[in-house]
C-alpha atoms as a PDB file:
ATOM      1  CA  MET A   1      98.591 113.187  84.298  1.00  0.00           C
ATOM      2  CA  ASN A   2     100.007 112.507  87.735  1.00  0.00           C
ATOM      3  CA  GLY A   3     103.444 111.713  86.322  1.00  0.00           C
ATOM      4  CA  ALA A   4     105.452 112.012  83.136  1.00  0.00           C
ATOM      5  CA  ILE A   5     104.829 108.247  82.851  1.00  0.00           C
ATOM      6  CA  GLN A   6     101.634 106.952  84.458  1.00  0.00           C
ATOM      7  CA  ILE A   7     100.601 103.277  84.554  1.00  0.00           C
ATOM      8  CA  VAL A   8      97.277 102.241  86.139  1.00  0.00           C
ATOM      9  CA  CYS A   9      96.150  98.599  86.383  1.00  0.00           C
ATOM     10  CA  GLY A  10      99.011  97.452  84.176  1.00  0.00           C
ATOM     11  CA  ARG A  11     100.371  93.918  83.948  1.00  0.00           C
ATOM     12  CA  ASN A  12     103.907  92.852  83.004  1.00  0.00           C
ATOM     13  CA  VAL A  13     105.094  96.428  82.499  1.00  0.00           C
ATOM     14  CA  PHE A  14     108.696  97.442  81.752  1.00  0.00           C
ATOM     15  CA  ILE A  15     109.646 101.120  82.188  1.00  0.00           C
ATOM     16  CA  SER A  16     113.296 101.595  81.276  1.00  0.00           C
ATOM     17  CA  ASP A  17     115.851 103.861  79.615  1.00  0.00           C
ATOM     18  CA  ASN A  18     113.827 107.074  79.913  1.00  0.00           C
ATOM     19  CA  ARG A  19     115.111 110.578  80.647  1.00  0.00           C
ATOM     20  CA  ILE A  20     112.605 112.690  82.574  1.00  0.00           C
ATOM     21  CA  PHE A  21     113.188 116.343  83.474  1.00  0.00           C
ATOM     22  CA  GLY A  22     110.785 118.425  85.535  1.00  0.00           C
ATOM     23  CA  GLY A  23     107.050 117.957  85.999  1.00  0.00           C
ATOM     24  CA  ARG A  24     105.056 117.060  89.098  1.00  0.00           C
ATOM     25  CA  ARG A  25     106.262 113.441  89.320  1.00  0.00           C
ATOM     26  CA  GLY A  26     108.525 111.236  87.252  1.00  0.00           C
ATOM     27  CA  ILE A  27     106.851 107.795  87.219  1.00  0.00           C
ATOM     28  CA  TRP A  28     103.428 106.966  88.723  1.00  0.00           C
ATOM     29  CA  VAL A  29     102.421 103.310  89.219  1.00  0.00           C
ATOM     30  CA  GLU A  30      98.982 102.353  90.552  1.00  0.00           C
ATOM     31  CA  SER A  31      97.404  98.909  91.063  1.00  0.00           C
ATOM     32  CA  CYS A  32      99.903  97.155  88.796  1.00  0.00           C
ATOM     33  CA  PHE A  33     101.191  93.573  88.666  1.00  0.00           C
ATOM     34  CA  ASN A  34     104.739  92.558  87.767  1.00  0.00           C
ATOM     35  CA  THR A  35     106.256  95.983  87.064  1.00  0.00           C
ATOM     36  CA  PHE A  36     109.929  96.713  86.353  1.00  0.00           C
ATOM     37  CA  ILE A  37     111.299 100.267  86.595  1.00  0.00           C
ATOM     38  CA  SER A  38     114.980 100.368  85.677  1.00  0.00           C
ATOM     39  CA  ASN A  39     117.756 102.472  84.162  1.00  0.00           C
ATOM     40  CA  ASN A  40     115.770 105.704  84.110  1.00  0.00           C
ATOM     41  CA  TYR A  41     117.204 109.172  84.706  1.00  0.00           C
ATOM     42  CA  ILE A  42     114.769 111.411  86.607  1.00  0.00           C
ATOM     43  CA  SER A  43     115.651 114.970  87.584  1.00  0.00           C
ATOM     44  CA  CYS A  44     113.964 118.103  88.935  1.00  0.00           C
ATOM     45  CA  ALA A  45     110.532 116.570  89.691  1.00  0.00           C
ATOM     46  CA  ASP A  46     108.378 118.728  91.972  1.00  0.00           C
ATOM     47  CA  THR A  47     107.367 115.837  94.278  1.00  0.00           C
ATOM     48  CA  GLU A  48     108.558 112.204  93.795  1.00  0.00           C
ATOM     49  CA  ALA A  49     110.752 110.613  91.155  1.00  0.00           C
ATOM     50  CA  VAL A  50     109.015 107.214  91.466  1.00  0.00           C
ATOM     51  CA  TYR A  51     105.604 107.101  93.165  1.00  0.00           C
ATOM     52  CA  VAL A  52     103.659 103.917  93.885  1.00  0.00           C
ATOM     53  CA  ALA A  53     100.112 105.096  94.527  1.00  0.00           C
ATOM     54  CA  LYS A  54      97.206 103.534  96.358  1.00  0.00           C
ATOM     55  CA  SER A  55      94.210 102.823  94.161  1.00  0.00           C
ATOM     56  CA  SER A  56      92.099 105.882  93.419  1.00  0.00           C
ATOM     57  CA  ASP A  57      89.116 103.615  92.598  1.00  0.00           C
ATOM     58  CA  THR A  58      87.567 102.378  95.843  1.00  0.00           C
ATOM     59  CA  SER A  59      85.564  99.743  93.937  1.00  0.00           C
ATOM     60  CA  SER A  60      88.588  98.334  92.125  1.00  0.00           C
ATOM     61  CA  THR A  61      89.285  94.612  92.334  1.00  0.00           C
ATOM     62  CA  ILE A  62      93.027  95.471  92.221  1.00  0.00           C
ATOM     63  CA  PRO A  63      93.499  97.646  95.323  1.00  0.00           C
ATOM     64  CA  LYS A  64      97.303  97.468  95.408  1.00  0.00           C
ATOM     65  CA  SER A  65     100.406  96.879  93.332  1.00  0.00           C
ATOM     66  CA  THR A  66     102.253  93.558  93.597  1.00  0.00           C
ATOM     67  CA  HIS A  67     105.627  92.301  92.372  1.00  0.00           C
ATOM     68  CA  LEU A  68     107.416  95.581  91.760  1.00  0.00           C
ATOM     69  CA  SER A  69     111.109  96.167  91.016  1.00  0.00           C
ATOM     70  CA  ILE A  70     112.732  99.634  91.127  1.00  0.00           C
ATOM     71  CA  ASP A  71     116.320  99.054  90.061  1.00  0.00           C
ATOM     72  CA  ARG A  72     119.389 101.015  88.897  1.00  0.00           C
ATOM     73  CA  ASN A  73     117.708 104.392  88.410  1.00  0.00           C
ATOM     74  CA  GLU A  74     119.473 107.763  88.615  1.00  0.00           C
ATOM     75  CA  ILE A  75     117.413 110.236  90.659  1.00  0.00           C
ATOM     76  CA  ASN A  76     118.549 113.802  91.270  1.00  0.00           C
ATOM     77  CA  THR A  77     117.122 117.060  92.658  1.00  0.00           C
ATOM     78  CA  ILE A  78     113.641 115.983  93.767  1.00  0.00           C
ATOM     79  CA  GLY A  79     111.082 118.059  95.680  1.00  0.00           C
ATOM     80  CA  ARG A  80     109.975 115.356  98.132  1.00  0.00           C
ATOM     81  CA  ASN A  81     110.964 111.656  98.254  1.00  0.00           C
ATOM     82  CA  GLY A  82     113.170 109.957  95.716  1.00  0.00           C
ATOM     83  CA  VAL A  83     111.139 106.719  95.825  1.00  0.00           C
ATOM     84  CA  TYR A  84     107.783 106.427  97.599  1.00  0.00           C
ATOM     85  CA  VAL A  85     106.289 102.926  97.925  1.00  0.00           C
ATOM     86  CA  GLN A  86     102.845 102.446  99.475  1.00  0.00           C
ATOM     87  CA  THR A  87     100.032  99.874  99.260  1.00  0.00           C
ATOM     88  CA  CYS A  88     102.331  97.358  97.605  1.00  0.00           C
ATOM     89  CA  ASP A  89     103.256  93.709  98.228  1.00  0.00           C
ATOM     90  CA  ASN A  90     106.492  91.985  97.221  1.00  0.00           C
ATOM     91  CA  PHE A  91     108.790  94.755  96.061  1.00  0.00           C
ATOM     92  CA  ASP A  92     112.482  95.487  95.540  1.00  0.00           C
ATOM     93  CA  VAL A  93     114.133  98.927  95.653  1.00  0.00           C
ATOM     94  CA  ARG A  94     117.793  98.281  94.873  1.00  0.00           C
ATOM     95  CA  ASN A  95     120.954  99.741  93.410  1.00  0.00           C
ATOM     96  CA  ASN A  96     119.506 103.202  92.815  1.00  0.00           C
ATOM     97  CA  ASN A  97     121.519 106.420  93.026  1.00  0.00           C
ATOM     98  CA  ILE A  98     119.386 109.025  94.790  1.00  0.00           C
ATOM     99  CA  PHE A  99     120.780 112.525  95.264  1.00  0.00           C
ATOM    100  CA  ASN A 100     119.380 115.798  96.616  1.00  0.00           C
ATOM    101  CA  THR A 101     115.834 114.983  97.718  1.00  0.00           C
ATOM    102  CA  ASN A 102     113.451 117.043  99.914  1.00  0.00           C
ATOM    103  CA  ILE A 103     114.245 120.237  98.016  1.00  0.00           C
ATOM    104  CA  GLU A 104     110.718 121.464  98.824  1.00  0.00           C
ATOM    105  CA  GLN A 105     111.533 121.562 102.570  1.00  0.00           C
ATOM    106  CA  GLY A 106     107.878 121.195 103.565  1.00  0.00           C
ATOM    107  CA  SER A 107     106.351 120.354 106.937  1.00  0.00           C
ATOM    108  CA  LYS A 108     106.662 116.545 106.521  1.00  0.00           C
ATOM    109  CA  ASP A 109     109.792 114.422 106.855  1.00  0.00           C
ATOM    110  CA  ARG A 110     111.051 113.358 103.437  1.00  0.00           C
ATOM    111  CA  GLY A 111     114.162 111.778 102.014  1.00  0.00           C
ATOM    112  CA  GLY A 112     115.548 109.028  99.793  1.00  0.00           C
ATOM    113  CA  VAL A 113     113.299 105.938 100.055  1.00  0.00           C
ATOM    114  CA  PHE A 114     109.967 106.049 101.931  1.00  0.00           C
ATOM    115  CA  VAL A 115     107.861 102.906 102.448  1.00  0.00           C
ATOM    116  CA  GLU A 116     104.474 102.569 104.162  1.00  0.00           C
ATOM    117  CA  LYS A 117     101.476 100.222 104.053  1.00  0.00           C
ATOM    118  CA  ALA A 118     103.551  97.626 102.234  1.00  0.00           C
ATOM    119  CA  TYR A 119     104.459  93.979 102.751  1.00  0.00           C
ATOM    120  CA  GLY A 120     107.352  91.762 101.774  1.00  0.00           C
ATOM    121  CA  GLY A 121     110.021  94.111 100.431  1.00  0.00           C
ATOM    122  CA  ARG A 122     113.779  94.519 100.109  1.00  0.00           C
ATOM    123  CA  ILE A 123     115.602  97.839 100.053  1.00  0.00           C
ATOM    124  CA  LYS A 124     119.127  97.007  99.066  1.00  0.00           C
ATOM    125  CA  GLY A 125     122.317  98.613  97.783  1.00  0.00           C
ATOM    126  CA  ASN A 126     120.990 102.135  97.261  1.00  0.00           C
ATOM    127  CA  ARG A 127     123.366 105.099  97.356  1.00  0.00           C
ATOM    128  CA  ILE A 128     121.656 108.130  98.916  1.00  0.00           C
ATOM    129  CA  ARG A 129     123.217 111.573  99.372  1.00  0.00           C
ATOM    130  CA  GLY A 130     122.156 115.191  99.864  1.00  0.00           C
ATOM    131  CA  VAL A 131     121.985 117.727 102.660  1.00  0.00           C
ATOM    132  CA  GLU A 132     118.258 118.563 102.654  1.00  0.00           C
ATOM    133  CA  LYS A 133     116.811 115.087 103.266  1.00  0.00           C
ATOM    134  CA  ILE A 134     115.484 114.122 106.714  1.00  0.00           C
ATOM    135  CA  PHE A 135     116.332 110.430 106.215  1.00  0.00           C
ATOM    136  CA  ALA A 136     118.068 108.107 103.779  1.00  0.00           C
ATOM    137  CA  THR A 137     115.494 105.313 104.186  1.00  0.00           C
ATOM    138  CA  LEU A 138     112.274 105.229 106.222  1.00  0.00           C
ATOM    139  CA  GLY A 139     110.139 102.106 106.659  1.00  0.00           C
ATOM    140  CA  GLN A 140     107.050 103.086 108.629  1.00  0.00           C
ATOM    141  CA  TYR A 141     105.307 100.813 111.128  1.00  0.00           C
ATOM    142  CA  THR A 142     102.641 100.028 108.510  1.00  0.00           C
ATOM    143  CA  ALA A 143     105.338  98.322 106.406  1.00  0.00           C
ATOM    144  CA  THR A 144     105.833  94.698 107.471  1.00  0.00           C
ATOM    145  CA  GLU A 145     108.406  92.061 106.564  1.00  0.00           C
ATOM    146  CA  VAL A 146     110.648  94.657 104.932  1.00  0.00           C
ATOM    147  CA  SER A 147     114.428  94.194 104.932  1.00  0.00           C
ATOM    148  CA  VAL A 148     117.014  96.943 104.460  1.00  0.00           C
ATOM    149  CA  PHE A 149     120.540  96.019 103.358  1.00  0.00           C
ATOM    150  CA  ASN A 150     123.718  97.906 102.485  1.00  0.00           C
ATOM    151  CA  THR A 151     122.463 101.467 102.284  1.00  0.00           C
ATOM    152  CA  LYS A 152     125.374 103.671 101.263  1.00  0.00           C
ATOM    153  CA  GLY A 153     125.864 107.422 101.405  1.00  0.00           C
ATOM    154  CA  THR A 154     124.690 109.707 104.205  1.00  0.00           C
ATOM    155  CA  GLY A 155     121.625 110.093 106.407  1.00  0.00           C
ATOM    156  CA  ARG A 156     119.475 108.158 108.869  1.00  0.00           C
ATOM    157  CA  VAL A 157     117.978 104.749 108.255  1.00  0.00           C
ATOM    158  CA  ILE A 158     114.722 104.431 110.195  1.00  0.00           C
ATOM    159  CA  VAL A 159     112.757 101.193 110.545  1.00  0.00           C
ATOM    160  CA  GLN A 160     109.575 100.973 112.591  1.00  0.00           C
ATOM    161  CA  GLY A 161     107.308  98.191 113.802  1.00  0.00           C
ATOM    162  CA  ASP A 162     107.434  94.739 112.257  1.00  0.00           C
ATOM    163  CA  SER A 163     110.159  95.490 109.734  1.00  0.00           C
ATOM    164  CA  ASP A 164     113.619  93.953 109.643  1.00  0.00           C
ATOM    165  CA  PHE A 165     116.945  95.796 109.690  1.00  0.00           C
ATOM    166  CA  LYS A 166     120.193  94.108 108.661  1.00  0.00           C
ATOM    167  CA  ALA A 167     123.723  94.842 107.487  1.00  0.00           C
ATOM    168  CA  ILE A 168     123.383  98.579 107.068  1.00  0.00           C
ATOM    169  CA  SER A 169     126.334 100.581 105.776  1.00  0.00           C
ATOM    170  CA  VAL A 170     125.579 104.241 106.396  1.00  0.00           C
ATOM    171  CA  GLN A 171     127.343 107.362 107.649  1.00  0.00           C
ATOM    172  CA  HIS A 172     126.171 109.732 110.380  1.00  0.00           C
ATOM    173  CA  LYS A 173     123.439 108.666 112.815  1.00  0.00           C
ATOM    174  CA  THR A 174     121.300 105.590 112.280  1.00  0.00           C
ATOM    175  CA  ILE A 175     118.078 105.515 114.254  1.00  0.00           C
ATOM    176  CA  ILE A 176     115.632 102.656 114.550  1.00  0.00           C
ATOM    177  CA  TYR A 177     112.582 103.337 116.622  1.00  0.00           C
ATOM    178  CA  GLU A 178     109.012 102.401 117.444  1.00  0.00           C
ATOM    179  CA  LYS A 179     106.480 104.231 119.606  1.00  0.00           C
ATOM    180  CA  SER A 180     106.609 101.643 122.397  1.00  0.00           C
ATOM    181  CA  ALA A 181     110.032 101.043 123.987  1.00  0.00           C
ATOM    182  CA  ARG A 182     109.135  97.638 125.375  1.00  0.00           C
ATOM    183  CA  ARG A 183     111.942  95.629 123.751  1.00  0.00           C
ATOM    184  CA  ALA A 184     115.166  96.328 121.912  1.00  0.00           C
ATOM    185  CA  ALA A 185     118.154  94.438 120.562  1.00  0.00           C
ATOM    186  CA  ALA A 186     121.265  95.821 118.902  1.00  0.00           C
ATOM    187  CA  LYS A 187     124.665  94.558 117.889  1.00  0.00           C
ATOM    188  CA  LEU A 188     127.330  96.098 115.696  1.00  0.00           C
ATOM    189  CA  LYS A 189     128.281  93.048 113.636  1.00  0.00           C
ATOM    190  CA  GLY A 190     125.499  91.422 111.667  1.00  0.00           C
ATOM    191  CA  GLY A 191     123.229  94.443 111.861  1.00  0.00           C
ATOM    192  CA  VAL A 192     120.339  95.253 114.145  1.00  0.00           C
ATOM    193  CA  SER A 193     117.251  93.091 114.629  1.00  0.00           C
ATOM    194  CA  LEU A 194     114.133  94.528 116.196  1.00  0.00           C
ATOM    195  CA  SER A 195     110.988  92.877 117.403  1.00  0.00           C
ATOM    196  CA  ARG A 196     107.593  94.525 117.214  1.00  0.00           C
ATOM    197  CA  ASN A 197     107.081  97.438 119.635  1.00  0.00           C
ATOM    198  CA  SER A 198     110.795  97.992 120.070  1.00  0.00           C
ATOM    199  CA  TYR A 199     113.156 100.916 120.223  1.00  0.00           C
ATOM    200  CA  CYS A 200     116.814 101.252 119.383  1.00  0.00           C
ATOM    201  CA  GLU A 201     119.039 104.216 118.650  1.00  0.00           C
ATOM    202  CA  LYS A 202     122.679 103.793 117.687  1.00  0.00           C
ATOM    203  CA  ASP A 203     125.436 106.041 116.357  1.00  0.00           C
ATOM    204  CA  VAL A 204     127.347 104.223 113.662  1.00  0.00           C
ATOM    205  CA  THR A 205     129.880 104.956 110.967  1.00  0.00           C
ATOM    206  CA  SER A 206     130.084 103.422 107.535  1.00  0.00           C
ATOM    207  CA  SER A 207     132.435 100.725 108.830  1.00  0.00           C
ATOM    208  CA  SER A 208     130.224  99.676 111.742  1.00  0.00           C
ATOM    209  CA  PHE A 209     127.724  97.829 109.549  1.00  0.00           C
ATOM    210  CA  ALA A 210     129.914  97.083 106.570  1.00  0.00           C
ATOM    211  CA  SER A 211     128.650  94.119 104.605  1.00  0.00           C
END
């Protein structure tokens, strides 16, 4: 088992009201359609609390997960990322409390919510705290049409490439960057909007991007 709860090629799946302590991962979802993960308490997982995996079957006709909701979960003391979304279209990560991630302190940057190779998502209203994390939220350049709203707590919010960045409420330093610094746009009220191949770095406080 890759997780305490593992769902592969599921359809119309509801994972809720579970208490998970320890193990390699809390919840593993792979190549699923219409999945709801809510009101779970996940603590002391070695790697991720919620992990959305790419398909392990290269011949599968369902290569990715679609229509995924990760909502109102309590996540605490996690080795790597609190929530890791990859190879997924149309997803929501919202209203989760994520505390004390990146306990492993490995060679890679890890933190609260990590998204890559995904399309059409919203990361909204999550509260993320802890001193070991490298970031609160990271949307890599392979994530497109992803919006981040109202992140609360501490840490950096990082959005790369074709993603969208709006109305962030976060303490400490917020950094938005992309490898090419060809274009950038930033404003304190209303959030920060970035075009593809852009760079922006801005120090903000929790009041600067208050919703």
